[in-house]
Amino acid sequence: MQKSHPVLESQKFEPEVTYFEKVLMFGSLMVAPLFLPIVLWRFFQQYHKNYARGHQYQLLGALLGGMYLFILMYAFLITFSGLDDDQRTQQIITLAWKLGIAFIVPAAILTMVQSHHNSQFYKLAKEYEKQFYKGIFALEAIAAEVKQPLSRVREDLEYLLEHKSFQNGIIKDGVVLLDNGPTLDQLGMNVKASDRDKTMPKVVSCSGCGAETIIETDQPVECEYCGSVLNTA
């Protein structure tokens, strides 16, 4: 049985290559100049998404690799076709070195950039999980905690909640509902109970004279015996 390649932690949440992207990579190998604008359009269309950014650098790197091979094949079959075998081989080797600087070196740099963005998104995905463990499921609250725009948080979680390496769930009414987590009704009850606890009367002991006073508000009040300020905090 064929062994699967180990997946690095930073690549854990990387998007899978779609059929359309496979066509782009194959096309860049066969007719690179024709597919260049399509790949660039795809890159800028997807770049704003946190989860797709590293993946788009991977496609750009594949495009550069495809262009490198395309030019070499074109030169071998057409440009240098009139030369004898030794001259043809020598010209191809020289061209390969020159093109390697122009295409392969940038492709290697793009691979490092891809790894960097994948690592950043992996850390962000773990931050989302941390919010779930803290009992935070509302998108607005999660966005405030992870310091991301609300629209980005929604995009990220819509993607992650369907990913095989993340917890499964859905987003409903601005709240994340995990398959193994609390329901929307339970979350609503928790919020109501929390609000109710804030408004319930509390007995507070005065630090000045020791007298106990019932406070029915979260605003500071004066002790009726010594005038000290009392609050429920």
Foldseek 3Di string as FASTA:
>chain_A
DDDDDDDDLLCQLADDQDPVLVVLLVCLQAPLVVSVVVLVVVQVVCCVALRCNLVSLLSVLSSLVSPLNNVLVCCLVPVCVPDDPVVSVVVSVVSSVVSCVVRVVVSVVSNVVSSVSSNVVSVVLVLLVVCVVVVDWALVVSCVSSVHDSVNSQSSCQSQLPRPSHFHFDADPRGTDTPPDDDPVVNVVVVVVVVVVQQDWDWDADPPPRDIDIDRHQDWDADPPPGDIDGDD
